[in-house]
Protein backbone atom coordinates (compact mmCIF):
# COMPACT_ATOMS: atom_id res chain seq x y z
CA MET A 1 0.00 0.00 0.00
CA ILE A 2 2.78 2.45 0.87
CA GLN A 3 4.70 1.58 -2.29
CA SER A 4 1.69 2.04 -4.55
CA ALA A 5 0.86 5.35 -2.85
CA GLN A 6 4.37 6.58 -3.64
CA VAL A 7 4.20 5.98 -7.38
CA ALA A 8 0.97 4.47 -8.66
CA SER A 9 -1.69 7.11 -8.11
CA LYS A 10 -2.61 10.55 -6.86
CA PHE A 11 -5.07 9.06 -4.42
CA THR A 12 -4.72 6.11 -2.10
CA LEU A 13 -7.48 5.15 0.31
CA PHE A 14 -7.27 2.47 2.98
CA THR A 15 -8.73 1.62 6.35
CA HIS A 16 -6.95 1.10 9.64
CA HIS A 17 -7.73 0.51 13.30
CA ALA A 18 -5.25 2.82 15.03
CA LYS A 19 -6.67 4.97 17.83
CA THR A 20 -4.31 7.91 17.28
CA PHE A 21 -2.35 9.31 14.37
CA PRO A 22 1.06 8.41 15.89
CA ASP A 23 -0.26 4.87 16.43
CA LEU A 24 -1.14 4.69 12.72
CA VAL A 25 2.37 5.74 11.68
CA THR A 26 3.92 3.25 14.12
CA ALA A 27 1.72 0.39 12.90
CA LEU A 28 2.48 1.03 9.24
CA ARG A 29 6.20 1.46 9.97
CA ASN A 30 6.27 -1.81 11.90
CA SER A 31 4.42 -3.62 9.11
CA MET A 32 7.03 -2.48 6.63
CA LEU A 33 9.81 -3.64 8.94
CA ARG A 34 8.13 -7.05 9.48
CA ALA A 35 7.68 -7.45 5.73
CA GLY A 36 11.45 -7.11 5.38
CA GLN A 37 11.29 -4.07 3.13
CA PHE A 38 13.37 -1.99 5.55
CA SER A 39 15.86 -2.59 8.31
CA SER A 40 15.89 1.00 9.58
CA GLU A 41 12.91 2.19 11.64
CA LYS A 42 13.57 5.80 10.73
CA THR A 43 13.73 5.12 6.97
CA ALA A 44 10.54 3.06 7.09
CA GLU A 45 8.78 5.78 9.09
CA GLU A 46 9.95 8.47 6.63
CA GLN A 47 8.44 6.44 3.78
CA VAL A 48 5.14 6.14 5.65
CA VAL A 49 4.80 9.84 6.46
CA GLN A 50 5.56 10.81 2.86
CA VAL A 51 2.28 9.23 1.74
CA LEU A 52 0.00 9.99 4.70
CA ASN A 53 -1.36 13.40 3.84
CA PHE A 54 -4.57 13.11 5.84
CA ASP A 55 -6.16 10.64 8.23
CA ILE A 56 -9.95 10.69 8.44
CA HIS A 57 -10.69 9.04 11.77
CA LEU A 58 -14.16 7.52 12.26
CA ILE A 59 -15.79 6.53 15.51
CA LYS A 60 -19.02 4.79 16.42
CA ASP A 61 -21.15 6.68 18.91
CA PHE A 62 -23.26 5.06 21.64
CA ARG A 63 -26.23 4.80 19.22
CA GLY A 64 -24.13 2.81 16.76
CA ARG A 65 -23.79 5.67 14.25
CA ARG A 66 -20.43 6.16 12.58
CA LEU A 67 -19.14 9.69 12.29
CA ILE A 68 -15.93 11.48 11.50
CA GLU A 69 -14.24 12.28 14.81
CA ARG A 70 -11.35 14.22 13.29
CA VAL A 71 -9.36 14.90 10.15
CA THR A 72 -5.64 14.95 10.85
CA GLU A 73 -2.95 16.28 8.54
CA CYS A 74 0.49 14.66 8.46
CA ILE A 75 3.37 17.07 7.94
CA PRO A 76 6.73 15.40 7.22
CA VAL A 77 9.64 17.04 9.04
CA GLU A 78 12.35 17.94 6.56
CA ASN A 79 15.88 16.97 7.46
CA VAL A 80 17.72 20.27 7.06
CA ASN A 81 21.45 20.74 7.51
CA GLU A 82 21.76 23.75 9.79
CA TYR A 83 25.40 23.41 10.73
CA THR A 84 27.40 26.61 10.78
CA PHE A 85 30.97 27.10 9.68
CA ASP A 86 31.20 30.50 11.36
CA HIS A 87 34.01 29.24 13.58
CA ARG A 88 36.41 30.20 10.78
CA LYS A 89 35.46 33.84 11.27
CA GLU A 90 36.13 33.77 15.00
CA ASN A 91 39.35 35.38 16.18
CA THR A 92 39.51 33.84 19.65
CA MET A 93 39.66 30.25 20.81
CA GLU A 94 36.68 30.96 23.06
CA GLY A 95 34.65 32.04 20.02
CA LYS A 96 35.75 28.99 18.06
CA PHE A 97 34.80 26.71 20.97
CA ASP A 98 31.38 28.40 21.21
CA LYS A 99 30.72 27.71 17.51
CA PHE A 100 31.99 24.13 17.88
CA PHE A 101 29.68 23.48 20.82
CA ASP A 102 26.76 25.04 18.93
CA ASN A 103 27.35 22.57 16.08
CA ALA A 104 27.92 19.66 18.49
CA THR A 105 24.68 20.48 20.31
CA TYR A 106 22.81 20.60 17.02
CA TYR A 107 24.38 17.30 15.91
CA PHE A 108 23.43 15.44 19.08
CA THR A 109 19.94 16.92 19.08
CA LYS A 110 19.49 15.82 15.49
CA SER A 111 20.91 12.36 16.24
CA THR A 112 18.71 11.72 19.26
CA ASN A 113 15.54 13.50 18.16
CA ARG A 114 14.01 11.04 15.74
CA GLU A 115 10.95 13.13 14.91
CA THR A 116 10.02 12.49 11.28
CA PHE A 117 6.60 14.13 11.27
CA LYS A 118 4.27 16.56 12.94
CA TYR A 119 0.52 16.22 12.88
CA ARG A 120 -2.43 18.44 13.58
CA ASN A 121 -6.17 18.11 13.47
CA VAL A 122 -7.72 20.36 10.86
CA LEU A 123 -11.29 19.39 11.68
CA GLU A 124 -12.84 17.89 14.82
CA TYR A 125 -16.27 16.79 15.93
CA ILE A 126 -16.86 18.69 19.18
CA ASP A 127 -20.13 18.82 21.14
CA GLY A 128 -22.25 17.65 18.22
CA GLU A 129 -20.76 19.84 15.49
CA TYR A 130 -17.75 19.98 13.21
CA VAL A 131 -15.18 22.61 14.13
CA ILE A 132 -12.30 23.72 11.92
CA THR A 133 -9.35 23.73 14.31
CA ASN A 134 -6.06 24.25 12.44
CA PRO A 135 -5.05 25.39 8.97
CA ILE A 136 -3.97 22.96 6.27
CA SER A 137 -0.29 23.33 5.35
CA SER A 138 0.54 25.44 2.30
CA HIS A 139 2.08 22.35 0.64
CA ASN A 140 -1.17 20.38 0.87
CA ILE A 141 -3.22 23.42 -0.17
CA LYS A 142 -1.10 23.65 -3.31
CA GLU A 143 -1.38 19.91 -4.01
CA MET A 144 -5.14 19.98 -3.49
CA ARG A 145 -5.58 22.98 -5.80
CA ASN A 146 -3.49 21.28 -8.49
CA ASN A 147 -6.22 18.63 -8.73
CA MET A 148 -9.21 20.99 -8.93
CA GLU A 149 -11.08 22.67 -11.71
CA GLU A 150 -10.66 26.45 -11.64
CA ARG A 151 -14.18 27.01 -10.26
CA ASP A 152 -13.56 24.50 -7.45
CA ALA A 153 -10.19 26.08 -6.66
CA GLU A 154 -11.85 29.49 -6.32
CA SER A 155 -14.42 28.06 -3.90
CA PHE A 156 -11.62 26.32 -1.99
CA ASP A 157 -9.70 29.61 -1.73
CA LYS A 158 -12.80 31.32 -0.33
CA PHE A 159 -13.18 28.51 2.22
CA ILE A 160 -9.55 28.88 3.29
CA GLU A 161 -9.82 32.65 3.55
CA ARG A 162 -13.04 32.41 5.59
CA HIS A 163 -11.58 29.94 8.09
CA TRP A 164 -7.86 30.73 8.24
CA GLY A 165 -7.31 34.11 6.63
CA SER A 166 -6.08 35.28 3.26
CA SER A 167 -2.40 34.56 4.01
CA LEU A 168 -3.01 30.84 3.46
CA VAL A 169 -4.73 31.21 0.09
CA TYR A 170 -2.50 29.74 -2.55
CA ASN A 171 -1.47 32.36 -5.08
CA PRO A 172 0.22 30.77 -8.11
CA VAL A 173 1.33 34.14 -9.54
CA ALA A 174 3.02 35.15 -6.26
CA GLU A 175 4.68 31.74 -6.04
CA ARG A 176 6.11 32.03 -9.56
CA GLU A 177 7.43 35.51 -8.75
CA ALA A 178 9.03 34.24 -5.54
CA ALA A 179 10.67 31.37 -7.44
CA LYS A 180 12.10 33.81 -10.01
CA SER A 181 13.66 35.98 -7.33
CA LYS A 182 15.63 33.05 -5.82
C-alpha cells in the first residue's frame, strides 16, 4: 500500500484501526519492517509519512452511528542541515569553541531526536458539530488545488480565507514571482 501510494496514483485510500495518528504511523512502519522491506525504523517511518497526507478518523457513537471524529494532517519534518561554519570567522579560541559546541549540540539533538513528522487536526467533531481547528499546510493546499477545476479552486480559496485568513490562500502568480527571485 505504501509503495503504490508513492508511485501508482494521486489518491490512495485504505482503512486502519489505530486509535491515534502516531499509532497509525507506528503500525504502518512496523508492518514495513516485518515485511522485510526496511531494516531502519527511521527510513521506514519516513516512507510512511511521505504518503500519509490526511487521516480521516471515524468513531461509532453510543447509538451505533459512525461519524468522522477528526481529520488529521500529516506534515513530514524535513531533514535540514543547519550546521554553521562561522568558527572560521572567529578570532579567539573561546569564540571557536562556542561555535563548535553550537554545532555539536545541534548534531546530538538531530541524532537523538528522531521526529520524522508533525501532525495536527484540521477538523474535529466537538459537542455535536464539526469545528475547523487548524489550517492545512501550504504544501497540501497547493497539491489539493493542483487537482481541482478552476471554479472548485476558487471556492476552496474562499473557504480557506473564511476559516484561516487570506495569508493561506495559494497564489500561483506570487509563487512564480518568488521562485524567479531566488
